[in-house]
Amino acid sequence: MYKNLAATLVAACLFSSVVAQPVEPSKPAAPAKTPTKAAFVYVTPVFDMGWTHQHDQGRKAVEKSLGAQVKTTVVENVAEGADAERVVRDLAQQGHDIIFTTSFGYMEPTLKVAKEFPKVKFESITGYKTDVNVSVANARYYEGRYLAGIAAGRMTQTNVAGYVAGFPIPEVLQGLNAFTLGMRSVNPKAQVKVIWLNAWFDPAKERDSAMTLFNQDADVITFHSATNAVMVAAQERGKMAIAYHSDMRQVAPDAQLMAITHNWGDYYTQRVRALQKGQWQTSTVWGGLKEGMIKVGDFGPKLLPSVRTEMMQIQKDMVAGKRHPFQGPIEDNEGKPVLPAGQRLSDVQILNMNFAAAGVVGKVKP
């Protein structure tokens, strides 16, 4: 999804001026003379749930909203790096008007190709570098993670949660820390044990990591990887799990407490419509619960109604700005102060996150 680039720890500061921008709901567009050709590049195959599934649902939403005014193309399972550059260049040469590249590791190839095709518009999803014809967009996944942590903190019997994660880059650390802080806000004894995959897409390793965490007393688990393997493992072991990317009750009907989903349909439709109207401009969007890019729901049968009610009230407070996942005091898991009481981490600090919060078991640096 997002390549393990150490540079992100520094370069993310380019987002210092990012303000979450509301994503307007889809509306019928005026007829276009010829269909807009929109391409989507995916880092994994299109499964029936998960990271790529959510982006493909966004693509389908564009088709549903714009009908004959748009023609979409999909290229899936594209490796980050040279393969991505080749695919993006081919799509530009084929006459696509706008190209959505949906993985952090596509950022540099996208920027390189964009310079060769100044009339084509590019949307770098989870990137942070823009150009005259390159926009970037991401979601505040950590907001949903904080709420999920509250659910985990209320539901655990062992006070241990498991977390299967790809790479210790800022975005993943945001989720891990928000989950831990949410959990410990209602259960100060809670610990979160993390296993780093050093991969985004490795179903066997994801499953094995989940099983290892269950053997280490975790009775609730979540993940930041591309497949549903962790959810399947939780279902088999009779444990509780929090789905990420998509609703995964199909494979974990008993295990799933809830799901944190990201939704791209309105954003993708808005960007294609802007291009059709001649109003497309370079922008940076970082939206969360308030903008509808992140949603919490798809509750399972094990989640106590009282926990759901508590979580939904906290969500309202977060949307209203009354509560923030990264609100002091915060310490790292080595006892060092990160943020004093009464303060909140800024967007720049969040985007450069490089620590593990108190309660996380394990290191995030070599």
Protein backbone atom coordinates (compact mmCIF):
# COMPACT_ATOMS: atom_id res chain seq x y z
CA MET A 1 0.00 0.00 0.00
CA TYR A 2 2.65 2.49 1.03
CA LYS A 3 6.30 1.64 0.48
CA ASN A 4 8.56 1.45 3.52
CA LEU A 5 10.51 4.60 2.72
CA ALA A 6 12.46 6.14 5.57
CA ALA A 7 12.18 9.46 3.76
CA THR A 8 8.54 9.70 4.79
CA LEU A 9 9.62 10.42 8.33
CA VAL A 10 11.12 13.71 7.15
CA ALA A 11 9.38 14.59 3.93
CA ALA A 12 5.88 14.32 5.35
CA CYS A 13 6.40 17.79 6.80
CA LEU A 14 5.45 19.05 3.35
CA PHE A 15 1.90 18.48 4.53
CA SER A 16 2.26 21.31 7.04
CA SER A 17 -0.46 23.31 5.28
CA VAL A 18 -2.86 20.41 4.87
CA VAL A 19 -6.38 21.07 6.08
CA ALA A 20 -9.03 18.38 5.91
CA GLN A 21 -11.34 19.34 3.07
CA PRO A 22 -14.94 18.14 3.00
CA VAL A 23 -15.67 15.68 0.23
CA GLU A 24 -18.96 16.64 -1.29
CA PRO A 25 -21.53 13.89 -1.88
CA SER A 26 -21.89 12.78 -5.47
CA LYS A 27 -24.34 14.72 -7.64
CA PRO A 28 -25.37 14.21 -11.28
CA ALA A 29 -22.94 15.94 -13.62
CA ALA A 30 -23.71 17.83 -16.81
CA PRO A 31 -23.33 15.71 -19.94
CA ALA A 32 -19.80 15.55 -21.30
CA LYS A 33 -19.08 15.64 -25.02
CA THR A 34 -16.92 12.53 -24.85
CA PRO A 35 -16.43 10.16 -21.94
CA THR A 36 -13.66 11.08 -19.54
CA LYS A 37 -11.10 8.30 -19.45
CA ALA A 38 -10.17 7.55 -15.84
CA ALA A 39 -7.59 4.90 -14.91
CA PHE A 40 -6.97 3.22 -11.55
CA VAL A 41 -3.73 1.46 -10.61
CA TYR A 42 -3.87 -1.10 -7.77
CA VAL A 43 -1.05 -2.66 -5.77
CA THR A 44 -2.82 -6.02 -5.22
CA PRO A 45 -5.40 -8.05 -7.09
CA VAL A 46 -9.00 -6.94 -6.56
CA PHE A 47 -10.34 -9.11 -3.76
CA ASP A 48 -13.83 -9.03 -2.32
CA MET A 49 -12.59 -7.04 0.69
CA GLY A 50 -9.50 -5.14 1.81
CA TRP A 51 -7.45 -2.12 0.68
CA THR A 52 -7.80 -2.55 -3.07
CA HIS A 53 -11.45 -3.58 -2.76
CA GLN A 54 -12.25 -0.22 -1.17
CA HIS A 55 -10.59 1.68 -3.99
CA ASP A 56 -12.37 -0.39 -6.59
CA GLN A 57 -15.66 0.35 -4.84
CA GLY A 58 -14.72 4.00 -5.27
CA ARG A 59 -14.16 3.44 -8.98
CA LYS A 60 -17.56 1.78 -9.30
CA ALA A 61 -19.13 4.73 -7.52
CA VAL A 62 -17.67 7.01 -10.19
CA GLU A 63 -19.26 4.87 -12.91
CA LYS A 64 -22.59 4.83 -11.12
CA SER A 65 -22.61 8.58 -10.61
CA LEU A 66 -21.34 9.67 -14.03
CA GLY A 67 -22.65 6.87 -16.24
CA ALA A 68 -21.77 7.26 -19.89
CA GLN A 69 -19.78 10.39 -19.12
CA VAL A 70 -16.87 8.32 -17.86
CA LYS A 71 -14.97 5.24 -18.95
CA THR A 72 -12.76 3.57 -16.36
CA THR A 73 -9.75 1.31 -16.74
CA VAL A 74 -8.18 -0.88 -14.05
CA VAL A 75 -4.66 -2.27 -13.84
CA GLU A 76 -4.26 -4.44 -10.74
CA ASN A 77 -1.45 -6.20 -8.91
CA VAL A 78 1.19 -3.65 -9.97
CA ALA A 79 4.44 -3.73 -8.02
CA GLU A 80 5.74 -0.45 -6.63
CA GLY A 81 8.75 0.95 -8.44
CA ALA A 82 9.72 0.33 -12.08
CA ASP A 83 6.57 -1.68 -12.87
CA ALA A 84 4.40 1.14 -11.59
CA GLU A 85 6.23 3.70 -13.71
CA ARG A 86 5.76 1.56 -16.81
CA VAL A 87 2.04 1.03 -16.16
CA VAL A 88 1.32 4.69 -15.40
CA ARG A 89 3.20 5.79 -18.53
CA ASP A 90 1.28 3.28 -20.67
CA LEU A 91 -2.03 4.59 -19.33
CA ALA A 92 -1.02 8.17 -20.09
CA GLN A 93 0.06 7.20 -23.61
CA GLN A 94 -3.30 5.50 -24.13
CA GLY A 95 -5.05 8.83 -23.71
CA HIS A 96 -6.41 8.64 -20.18
CA ASP A 97 -7.45 12.03 -18.84
CA ILE A 98 -6.98 11.28 -15.15
CA ILE A 99 -5.02 8.51 -13.42
CA PHE A 100 -5.46 7.45 -9.78
CA THR A 101 -2.43 5.67 -8.35
CA THR A 102 -3.51 4.01 -5.11
CA SER A 103 -0.35 3.18 -3.17
CA PHE A 104 2.30 5.23 -1.42
CA GLY A 105 5.07 3.50 -3.37
CA TYR A 106 3.54 4.82 -6.61
CA MET A 107 4.25 8.42 -5.63
CA GLU A 108 7.66 8.88 -7.26
CA PRO A 109 6.77 6.97 -10.48
CA THR A 110 3.60 9.07 -10.73
CA LEU A 111 5.52 12.33 -10.37
CA LYS A 112 8.05 11.25 -12.98
CA VAL A 113 5.42 10.30 -15.56
CA ALA A 114 3.35 13.40 -14.80
CA LYS A 115 6.19 15.63 -15.99
CA GLU A 116 6.12 13.82 -19.35
CA PHE A 117 2.34 14.28 -19.76
CA PRO A 118 1.43 17.78 -18.53
CA LYS A 119 -2.12 17.60 -19.93
CA VAL A 120 -2.98 14.46 -17.92
CA LYS A 121 -4.15 14.80 -14.34
CA PHE A 122 -2.78 12.47 -11.67
CA GLU A 123 -4.10 11.63 -8.21
CA SER A 124 -1.50 10.18 -5.84
CA ILE A 125 -3.35 8.36 -3.09
CA THR A 126 -1.43 8.39 0.23
CA GLY A 127 1.46 10.30 -1.34
CA TYR A 128 2.62 13.69 -0.07
CA LYS A 129 4.26 15.37 -3.09
CA THR A 130 2.25 17.46 -5.52
CA ASP A 131 2.96 19.07 -8.88
CA VAL A 132 1.00 21.25 -11.30
CA ASN A 133 -0.87 18.16 -12.52
CA VAL A 134 -0.52 15.92 -9.46
CA SER A 135 -2.81 16.02 -6.43
CA VAL A 136 -2.57 13.95 -3.26
CA ALA A 137 -5.21 12.52 -0.95
CA ASN A 138 -5.26 10.38 2.14
CA ALA A 139 -7.59 9.51 5.00
CA ARG A 140 -7.20 9.98 8.74
CA TYR A 141 -7.32 6.27 9.48
CA TYR A 142 -6.08 6.93 13.00
CA GLU A 143 -9.43 8.44 13.97
CA GLY A 144 -11.16 5.12 13.43
CA ARG A 145 -8.29 3.30 15.13
CA TYR A 146 -8.80 5.33 18.32
CA LEU A 147 -12.46 4.34 18.48
CA ALA A 148 -11.55 0.72 17.80
CA GLY A 149 -9.09 0.87 20.69
CA ILE A 150 -11.88 1.96 23.01
CA ALA A 151 -13.92 -1.06 21.94
CA ALA A 152 -10.92 -3.35 22.45
CA GLY A 153 -10.22 -1.89 25.88
CA ARG A 154 -13.77 -2.51 27.01
CA MET A 155 -14.07 -6.00 25.55
CA THR A 156 -10.72 -7.63 26.39
CA GLN A 157 -10.52 -10.11 29.24
CA THR A 158 -6.75 -10.58 29.14
CA ASN A 159 -5.81 -6.87 28.81
CA VAL A 160 -3.75 -7.83 25.76
CA ALA A 161 -4.48 -6.88 22.18
CA GLY A 162 -2.60 -8.00 19.07
CA TYR A 163 -1.63 -5.81 16.11
CA VAL A 164 -0.32 -7.23 12.82
CA ALA A 165 1.32 -4.45 10.80
CA GLY A 166 3.22 -3.98 7.55
CA PHE A 167 6.01 -1.46 8.11
CA PRO A 168 6.76 1.07 10.89
CA ILE A 169 6.12 4.11 8.70
CA PRO A 170 4.28 7.17 10.09
CA GLU A 171 0.83 6.20 8.83
CA VAL A 172 1.03 2.76 10.43
CA LEU A 173 2.41 4.19 13.66
CA GLN A 174 -0.47 6.67 13.74
CA GLY A 175 -2.92 3.79 13.71
CA LEU A 176 -1.00 1.66 16.19
CA ASN A 177 -0.61 4.53 18.65
CA ALA A 178 -4.17 5.78 18.29
CA PHE A 179 -5.48 2.26 18.90
CA THR A 180 -3.27 1.91 21.98
CA LEU A 181 -4.22 5.31 23.37
CA GLY A 182 -7.90 4.58 22.82
CA MET A 183 -7.58 1.22 24.52
CA ARG A 184 -5.71 2.60 27.52
CA SER A 185 -8.12 5.53 27.89
CA VAL A 186 -10.69 3.03 29.18
CA ASN A 187 -8.34 0.28 30.36
CA PRO A 188 -5.02 1.63 31.75
CA LYS A 189 -3.65 -1.91 32.20
CA ALA A 190 -3.99 -2.75 28.50
CA GLN A 191 -1.02 -3.71 26.36
CA VAL A 192 -0.78 -3.94 22.57
CA LYS A 193 1.65 -6.50 21.17
CA VAL A 194 2.71 -5.77 17.60
CA ILE A 195 4.30 -7.99 14.96
CA TRP A 196 5.90 -6.29 11.94
CA LEU A 197 5.45 -8.16 8.67
CA ASN A 198 7.85 -6.12 6.55
CA ALA A 199 5.29 -6.66 3.80
CA TRP A 200 1.85 -5.40 2.91
CA PHE A 201 0.58 -8.46 1.13
CA ASP A 202 1.54 -11.83 2.60
CA PRO A 203 -1.54 -13.82 3.66
CA ALA A 204 0.43 -16.71 5.13
CA LYS A 205 2.62 -14.45 7.23
CA GLU A 206 -0.38 -12.37 8.32
CA ARG A 207 -2.13 -15.54 9.53
CA ASP A 208 0.94 -16.88 11.31
CA SER A 209 1.47 -13.56 13.07
CA ALA A 210 -2.10 -13.55 14.29
CA MET A 211 -1.73 -17.07 15.66
CA THR A 212 1.48 -16.06 17.44
CA LEU A 213 -0.27 -13.12 19.09
CA PHE A 214 -3.15 -15.33 20.22
CA ASN A 215 -0.57 -17.64 21.79
CA GLN A 216 0.77 -14.59 23.66
CA ASP A 217 -2.59 -13.97 25.39
CA ALA A 218 -4.12 -11.53 22.90
CA ASP A 219 -7.88 -12.03 22.91
CA VAL A 220 -8.64 -9.17 20.51
CA ILE A 221 -6.67 -8.36 17.38
CA THR A 222 -6.47 -5.93 14.49
CA PHE A 223 -4.11 -5.33 11.58
CA HIS A 224 -2.64 -2.99 8.97
CA SER A 225 -2.08 -5.27 5.98
CA ALA A 226 -3.84 -6.05 2.72
CA THR A 227 -5.87 -9.23 3.24
CA ASN A 228 -8.47 -10.77 5.55
CA ALA A 229 -6.08 -13.44 6.89
CA VAL A 230 -6.03 -12.03 10.42
CA MET A 231 -9.82 -12.02 10.57
CA VAL A 232 -9.97 -15.63 9.37
CA ALA A 233 -7.47 -16.63 12.05
CA ALA A 234 -9.52 -14.89 14.75
CA GLN A 235 -12.65 -16.70 13.63
CA GLU A 236 -10.86 -20.06 13.77
CA ARG A 237 -9.44 -19.41 17.24
CA GLY A 238 -12.64 -18.01 18.71
CA LYS A 239 -11.04 -14.61 19.38
CA MET A 240 -12.32 -11.07 18.85
CA ALA A 241 -11.10 -8.97 15.91
CA ILE A 242 -11.47 -5.50 14.45
CA ALA A 243 -11.58 -5.39 10.67
CA TYR A 244 -9.66 -2.81 8.66
CA HIS A 245 -10.36 -1.48 5.16
CA SER A 246 -13.64 -3.40 4.70
CA ASP A 247 -16.47 -5.11 6.53
CA MET A 248 -15.18 -8.69 6.96
CA ARG A 249 -18.10 -10.37 8.67
CA GLN A 250 -18.33 -12.63 5.64
CA VAL A 251 -15.21 -14.48 6.83
CA ALA A 252 -15.37 -13.64 10.54
CA PRO A 253 -19.06 -13.48 11.48
CA ASP A 254 -18.45 -14.29 15.14
CA ALA A 255 -15.02 -12.70 15.60
CA GLN A 256 -15.66 -9.25 14.15
CA LEU A 257 -16.46 -6.60 16.74
CA MET A 258 -16.54 -3.78 14.20
CA ALA A 259 -14.82 -2.49 11.08
CA ILE A 260 -12.91 0.65 10.21
CA THR A 261 -13.50 1.40 6.54
CA HIS A 262 -12.19 4.04 4.17
CA ASN A 263 -14.47 5.31 1.44
CA TRP A 264 -13.25 6.83 -1.82
CA GLY A 265 -16.31 7.08 -4.04
CA ASP A 266 -17.26 10.68 -3.31
CA TYR A 267 -13.68 11.91 -3.59
CA TYR A 268 -13.02 10.11 -6.88
CA THR A 269 -16.31 11.29 -8.35
CA GLN A 270 -15.67 14.86 -7.26
CA ARG A 271 -12.23 14.87 -8.90
CA VAL A 272 -13.46 13.45 -12.21
CA ARG A 273 -16.35 15.90 -12.25
CA ALA A 274 -13.97 18.80 -11.59
CA LEU A 275 -11.88 17.71 -14.58
CA GLN A 276 -14.95 17.58 -16.79
CA LYS A 277 -15.90 21.10 -15.78
CA GLY A 278 -12.39 22.41 -16.35
CA GLN A 279 -12.10 23.11 -12.61
CA TRP A 280 -9.51 20.49 -11.60
CA GLN A 281 -6.74 22.02 -9.51
CA THR A 282 -3.83 20.57 -7.58
CA SER A 283 -4.90 19.94 -4.02
CA THR A 284 -4.09 18.04 -0.84
CA VAL A 285 -6.90 16.31 1.01
CA TRP A 286 -6.61 14.55 4.36
CA GLY A 287 -10.12 13.67 5.44
CA GLY A 288 -11.49 11.63 8.28
CA LEU A 289 -14.72 10.96 10.14
CA LYS A 290 -16.05 14.46 9.57
CA GLU A 291 -15.57 14.25 5.81
CA GLY A 292 -16.93 10.71 5.54
CA MET A 293 -13.65 9.27 4.29
CA ILE A 294 -13.39 7.13 7.41
CA LYS A 295 -16.33 5.24 8.87
CA VAL A 296 -16.78 3.03 11.92
CA GLY A 297 -19.53 0.44 11.89
CA ASP A 298 -20.39 -3.08 10.67
CA PHE A 299 -20.75 -4.17 14.29
CA GLY A 300 -20.61 -7.84 15.19
CA PRO A 301 -22.74 -9.78 17.69
CA LYS A 302 -20.12 -9.82 20.47
CA LEU A 303 -19.82 -6.05 20.82
CA LEU A 304 -21.73 -4.96 23.90
CA PRO A 305 -24.46 -2.36 23.20
CA SER A 306 -23.07 -0.16 25.98
CA VAL A 307 -19.65 -0.13 24.30
CA ARG A 308 -21.18 0.78 20.96
CA THR A 309 -23.10 3.65 22.56
CA GLU A 310 -19.97 4.94 24.30
CA MET A 311 -17.95 4.73 21.11
CA MET A 312 -20.54 6.57 19.03
CA GLN A 313 -20.69 9.40 21.57
CA ILE A 314 -16.92 9.75 21.49
CA GLN A 315 -17.08 9.78 17.69
CA LYS A 316 -19.51 12.72 17.86
CA ASP A 317 -17.11 14.53 20.18
CA MET A 318 -14.22 13.89 17.79
CA VAL A 319 -16.16 15.21 14.79
CA ALA A 320 -17.11 18.30 16.80
CA GLY A 321 -13.46 18.87 17.73
CA LYS A 322 -14.04 18.25 21.42
CA ARG A 323 -11.80 15.20 21.55
CA HIS A 324 -8.64 14.20 19.72
CA PRO A 325 -6.85 10.83 19.56
CA PHE A 326 -3.48 12.45 20.19
CA GLN A 327 -4.23 14.62 23.18
CA GLY A 328 -1.69 14.94 25.99
CA PRO A 329 -0.29 13.75 28.19
CA ILE A 330 1.41 11.19 25.93
CA GLU A 331 4.53 9.17 26.68
CA ASP A 332 6.36 6.71 24.47
CA ASN A 333 6.80 3.08 25.47
CA GLU A 334 10.22 3.84 26.94
CA GLY A 335 8.78 6.33 29.41
CA LYS A 336 9.89 9.45 27.56
CA PRO A 337 7.40 12.36 27.42
CA VAL A 338 6.04 13.10 23.94
CA LEU A 339 3.30 15.64 24.66
CA PRO A 340 2.28 17.46 27.86
CA ALA A 341 -1.25 17.58 29.20
CA GLY A 342 -3.56 20.10 27.55
CA GLN A 343 -1.90 19.94 24.13
CA ARG A 344 -2.65 18.06 20.90
CA LEU A 345 -0.26 16.82 18.27
CA SER A 346 -0.33 18.98 15.15
CA ASP A 347 -0.83 17.54 11.67
CA VAL A 348 2.89 17.95 11.01
CA GLN A 349 3.75 15.99 14.15
CA ILE A 350 1.23 13.28 13.29
CA LEU A 351 2.55 12.97 9.75
CA ASN A 352 6.10 12.62 11.07
CA MET A 353 5.23 10.14 13.81
CA ASN A 354 8.16 7.90 14.69
CA PHE A 355 7.49 6.60 18.21
CA ALA A 356 5.47 3.87 19.91
CA ALA A 357 3.08 5.07 22.59
CA ALA A 358 3.13 3.75 26.15
CA GLY A 359 1.35 0.42 26.14
CA VAL A 360 2.86 -0.81 22.87
CA VAL A 361 5.07 -3.84 23.46
CA GLY A 362 8.07 -3.85 21.15
CA LYS A 363 10.24 -1.45 19.20
CA VAL A 364 9.45 0.49 16.04
CA LYS A 365 13.05 1.21 15.07
CA PRO A 366 15.83 -1.26 14.19
